[in-house]
Amino acid sequence: MSNALSKAKGFKKSKSGTYLSMGTTAFGAIGVAKQIKKARAEHDTLRLIDATVSAVAIVTGLAILYRELKRLGDDDVLLG
């Protein structure tokens, strides 16, 4: 049981955990795209700037997660 618990704690540092983080971060892009579309339709500059900053944050987050995925390489925590 202790071995399973230690594997669960290492999930965030695993390839699977990184892929899951990338997926949830990319899923946030859907909301940002809707926000951009709405801001453009309403000609709301402030909301458009907010959505743009959010989009940049998502891209940066995905780049960081991709770098972490490359660092993990073959030494995956869950594989053993």
N, C-alpha and C. Protein backbone atom coordinates (compact mmCIF):
# COMPACT_ATOMS: atom_id res chain seq x y z
N MET A 1 0.82 -1.18 0.00
CA MET A 1 0.00 0.00 0.00
C MET A 1 0.87 1.25 0.00
N SER A 2 1.98 1.23 0.72
CA SER A 2 2.87 2.39 0.78
C SER A 2 3.49 2.67 -0.57
N ASN A 3 3.80 1.61 -1.32
CA ASN A 3 4.36 1.76 -2.65
C ASN A 3 3.37 2.46 -3.57
N ALA A 4 2.09 2.09 -3.49
CA ALA A 4 1.06 2.72 -4.31
C ALA A 4 0.91 4.19 -3.95
N LEU A 5 1.01 4.49 -2.68
CA LEU A 5 0.89 5.88 -2.23
C LEU A 5 2.06 6.72 -2.73
N SER A 6 3.24 6.17 -2.72
CA SER A 6 4.40 6.93 -3.20
C SER A 6 4.31 7.14 -4.71
N LYS A 7 3.75 6.17 -5.44
CA LYS A 7 3.56 6.35 -6.88
C LYS A 7 2.51 7.44 -7.14
N ALA A 8 1.46 7.47 -6.34
CA ALA A 8 0.43 8.48 -6.51
C ALA A 8 0.98 9.88 -6.24
N LYS A 9 1.86 10.00 -5.27
CA LYS A 9 2.45 11.30 -4.97
C LYS A 9 3.37 11.74 -6.10
N GLY A 10 3.98 10.80 -6.81
CA GLY A 10 4.88 11.13 -7.90
C GLY A 10 4.17 11.33 -9.22
N PHE A 11 2.85 11.26 -9.24
CA PHE A 11 2.09 11.37 -10.49
C PHE A 11 2.33 12.71 -11.16
N LYS A 12 2.42 13.76 -10.38
CA LYS A 12 2.60 15.10 -10.96
C LYS A 12 3.92 15.20 -11.70
N LYS A 13 4.92 14.45 -11.27
CA LYS A 13 6.23 14.49 -11.90
C LYS A 13 6.40 13.41 -12.96
N SER A 14 5.30 12.76 -13.34
CA SER A 14 5.37 11.70 -14.34
C SER A 14 4.94 12.22 -15.70
N LYS A 15 5.19 11.42 -16.73
CA LYS A 15 4.75 11.79 -18.07
C LYS A 15 3.23 11.89 -18.13
N SER A 16 2.56 10.95 -17.50
CA SER A 16 1.10 10.96 -17.51
C SER A 16 0.56 12.22 -16.84
N GLY A 17 1.14 12.59 -15.72
CA GLY A 17 0.72 13.79 -15.01
C GLY A 17 0.98 15.05 -15.82
N THR A 18 2.10 15.06 -16.51
CA THR A 18 2.44 16.22 -17.34
C THR A 18 1.49 16.32 -18.52
N TYR A 19 1.17 15.18 -19.14
CA TYR A 19 0.19 15.20 -20.23
C TYR A 19 -1.17 15.68 -19.74
N LEU A 20 -1.57 15.24 -18.57
CA LEU A 20 -2.84 15.67 -18.00
C LEU A 20 -2.83 17.18 -17.74
N SER A 21 -1.74 17.69 -17.22
CA SER A 21 -1.61 19.13 -16.99
C SER A 21 -1.66 19.91 -18.29
N MET A 22 -1.01 19.38 -19.32
CA MET A 22 -1.05 20.04 -20.62
C MET A 22 -2.47 20.06 -21.18
N GLY A 23 -3.19 18.96 -21.01
CA GLY A 23 -4.56 18.89 -21.50
C GLY A 23 -5.48 19.87 -20.79
N THR A 24 -5.36 19.97 -19.49
CA THR A 24 -6.22 20.89 -18.75
C THR A 24 -5.85 22.34 -19.05
N THR A 25 -4.57 22.61 -19.27
CA THR A 25 -4.16 23.97 -19.64
C THR A 25 -4.69 24.32 -21.02
N ALA A 26 -4.58 23.39 -21.96
CA ALA A 26 -5.09 23.63 -23.31
C ALA A 26 -6.60 23.78 -23.31
N PHE A 27 -7.28 23.07 -22.41
CA PHE A 27 -8.74 23.18 -22.31
C PHE A 27 -9.14 24.60 -21.92
N GLY A 28 -8.30 25.28 -21.16
CA GLY A 28 -8.57 26.67 -20.79
C GLY A 28 -8.56 27.60 -21.99
N ALA A 29 -7.91 27.18 -23.06
CA ALA A 29 -7.86 27.99 -24.27
C ALA A 29 -9.24 28.16 -24.89
N ILE A 30 -10.13 27.21 -24.66
CA ILE A 30 -11.49 27.31 -25.19
C ILE A 30 -12.20 28.51 -24.58
N GLY A 31 -12.08 28.66 -23.27
CA GLY A 31 -12.69 29.80 -22.59
C GLY A 31 -12.10 31.12 -23.03
N VAL A 32 -10.79 31.14 -23.25
CA VAL A 32 -10.13 32.36 -23.69
C VAL A 32 -10.58 32.72 -25.11
N ALA A 33 -10.73 31.71 -25.96
CA ALA A 33 -11.19 31.97 -27.33
C ALA A 33 -12.60 32.57 -27.32
N LYS A 34 -13.46 32.04 -26.46
CA LYS A 34 -14.82 32.60 -26.34
C LYS A 34 -14.77 34.03 -25.83
N GLN A 35 -13.87 34.28 -24.87
CA GLN A 35 -13.74 35.62 -24.31
C GLN A 35 -13.25 36.61 -25.38
N ILE A 36 -12.32 36.19 -26.20
CA ILE A 36 -11.81 37.05 -27.28
C ILE A 36 -12.93 37.34 -28.28
N LYS A 37 -13.67 36.31 -28.65
CA LYS A 37 -14.76 36.48 -29.61
C LYS A 37 -15.82 37.47 -29.08
N LYS A 38 -16.17 37.32 -27.81
CA LYS A 38 -17.17 38.20 -27.21
C LYS A 38 -16.65 39.63 -27.12
N ALA A 39 -15.39 39.79 -26.75
CA ALA A 39 -14.80 41.13 -26.63
C ALA A 39 -14.75 41.83 -27.98
N ARG A 40 -14.43 41.08 -29.02
CA ARG A 40 -14.42 41.67 -30.36
C ARG A 40 -15.81 42.08 -30.81
N ALA A 41 -16.79 41.24 -30.51
CA ALA A 41 -18.16 41.54 -30.92
C ALA A 41 -18.69 42.79 -30.22
N GLU A 42 -18.29 42.97 -28.97
CA GLU A 42 -18.76 44.12 -28.18
C GLU A 42 -17.82 45.32 -28.28
N HIS A 43 -16.73 45.19 -29.03
CA HIS A 43 -15.72 46.24 -29.17
C HIS A 43 -15.22 46.70 -27.80
N ASP A 44 -14.98 45.73 -26.92
CA ASP A 44 -14.52 46.01 -25.56
C ASP A 44 -13.00 45.79 -25.50
N THR A 45 -12.27 46.88 -25.56
CA THR A 45 -10.82 46.82 -25.62
C THR A 45 -10.22 46.23 -24.34
N LEU A 46 -10.76 46.61 -23.20
CA LEU A 46 -10.21 46.12 -21.94
C LEU A 46 -10.36 44.60 -21.81
N ARG A 47 -11.52 44.07 -22.18
CA ARG A 47 -11.70 42.61 -22.14
C ARG A 47 -10.82 41.91 -23.17
N LEU A 48 -10.61 42.55 -24.30
CA LEU A 48 -9.74 41.97 -25.33
C LEU A 48 -8.30 41.90 -24.82
N ILE A 49 -7.85 42.93 -24.13
CA ILE A 49 -6.51 42.92 -23.55
C ILE A 49 -6.40 41.82 -22.49
N ASP A 50 -7.44 41.71 -21.66
CA ASP A 50 -7.45 40.66 -20.62
C ASP A 50 -7.39 39.27 -21.25
N ALA A 51 -8.16 39.05 -22.29
CA ALA A 51 -8.16 37.75 -22.96
C ALA A 51 -6.81 37.47 -23.62
N THR A 52 -6.19 38.49 -24.17
CA THR A 52 -4.89 38.32 -24.81
C THR A 52 -3.83 37.94 -23.78
N VAL A 53 -3.86 38.61 -22.64
CA VAL A 53 -2.91 38.27 -21.57
C VAL A 53 -3.14 36.84 -21.09
N SER A 54 -4.40 36.44 -20.98
CA SER A 54 -4.71 35.07 -20.59
C SER A 54 -4.21 34.06 -21.61
N ALA A 55 -4.35 34.41 -22.88
CA ALA A 55 -3.87 33.52 -23.94
C ALA A 55 -2.35 33.37 -23.88
N VAL A 56 -1.66 34.47 -23.62
CA VAL A 56 -0.20 34.42 -23.50
C VAL A 56 0.20 33.55 -22.30
N ALA A 57 -0.56 33.66 -21.21
CA ALA A 57 -0.28 32.83 -20.03
C ALA A 57 -0.47 31.35 -20.35
N ILE A 58 -1.48 31.02 -21.13
CA ILE A 58 -1.72 29.62 -21.51
C ILE A 58 -0.57 29.10 -22.38
N VAL A 59 -0.15 29.90 -23.34
CA VAL A 59 0.96 29.49 -24.21
C VAL A 59 2.23 29.29 -23.40
N THR A 60 2.49 30.20 -22.47
CA THR A 60 3.67 30.08 -21.63
C THR A 60 3.59 28.83 -20.76
N GLY A 61 2.42 28.57 -20.18
CA GLY A 61 2.24 27.37 -19.36
C GLY A 61 2.46 26.10 -20.15
N LEU A 62 1.94 26.06 -21.37
CA LEU A 62 2.15 24.88 -22.22
C LEU A 62 3.62 24.71 -22.58
N ALA A 63 4.32 25.81 -22.82
CA ALA A 63 5.75 25.72 -23.13
C ALA A 63 6.54 25.18 -21.94
N ILE A 64 6.19 25.62 -20.74
CA ILE A 64 6.87 25.13 -19.54
C ILE A 64 6.59 23.64 -19.35
N LEU A 65 5.35 23.23 -19.54
CA LEU A 65 5.00 21.81 -19.39
C LEU A 65 5.69 20.96 -20.45
N TYR A 66 5.80 21.48 -21.68
CA TYR A 66 6.49 20.76 -22.74
C TYR A 66 7.97 20.58 -22.39
N ARG A 67 8.58 21.63 -21.84
CA ARG A 67 9.98 21.54 -21.42
C ARG A 67 10.14 20.49 -20.33
N GLU A 68 9.21 20.47 -19.38
CA GLU A 68 9.26 19.47 -18.31
C GLU A 68 9.10 18.06 -18.86
N LEU A 69 8.24 17.92 -19.86
CA LEU A 69 8.04 16.62 -20.49
C LEU A 69 9.31 16.14 -21.16
N LYS A 70 10.02 17.04 -21.82
CA LYS A 70 11.29 16.68 -22.45
C LYS A 70 12.33 16.30 -21.41
N ARG A 71 12.33 16.96 -20.26
CA ARG A 71 13.29 16.65 -19.20
C ARG A 71 13.04 15.29 -18.58
N LEU A 72 11.77 14.90 -18.51
CA LEU A 72 11.45 13.61 -17.90
C LEU A 72 12.09 12.46 -18.67
N GLY A 73 12.00 12.55 -19.98
CA GLY A 73 12.62 11.53 -20.81
C GLY A 73 12.17 10.13 -20.45
N ASP A 74 13.12 9.24 -20.22
CA ASP A 74 12.83 7.84 -19.94
C ASP A 74 12.69 7.53 -18.46
N ASP A 75 13.06 8.44 -17.58
CA ASP A 75 13.00 8.15 -16.16
C ASP A 75 11.64 8.54 -15.58
N ASP A 76 10.60 7.89 -16.07
CA ASP A 76 9.24 8.14 -15.63
C ASP A 76 9.01 7.54 -14.26
N VAL A 77 8.40 8.28 -13.35
CA VAL A 77 8.18 7.85 -11.99
C VAL A 77 7.24 6.66 -11.92
N LEU A 78 6.18 6.68 -12.72
CA LEU A 78 5.17 5.62 -12.63
C LEU A 78 5.60 4.30 -13.28
N LEU A 79 6.56 4.38 -14.17
CA LEU A 79 6.99 3.14 -14.84
C LEU A 79 7.88 2.29 -13.95
N GLY A 80 8.37 2.87 -12.91
CA GLY A 80 8.98 2.05 -11.96
C GLY A 80 10.32 2.00 -11.56
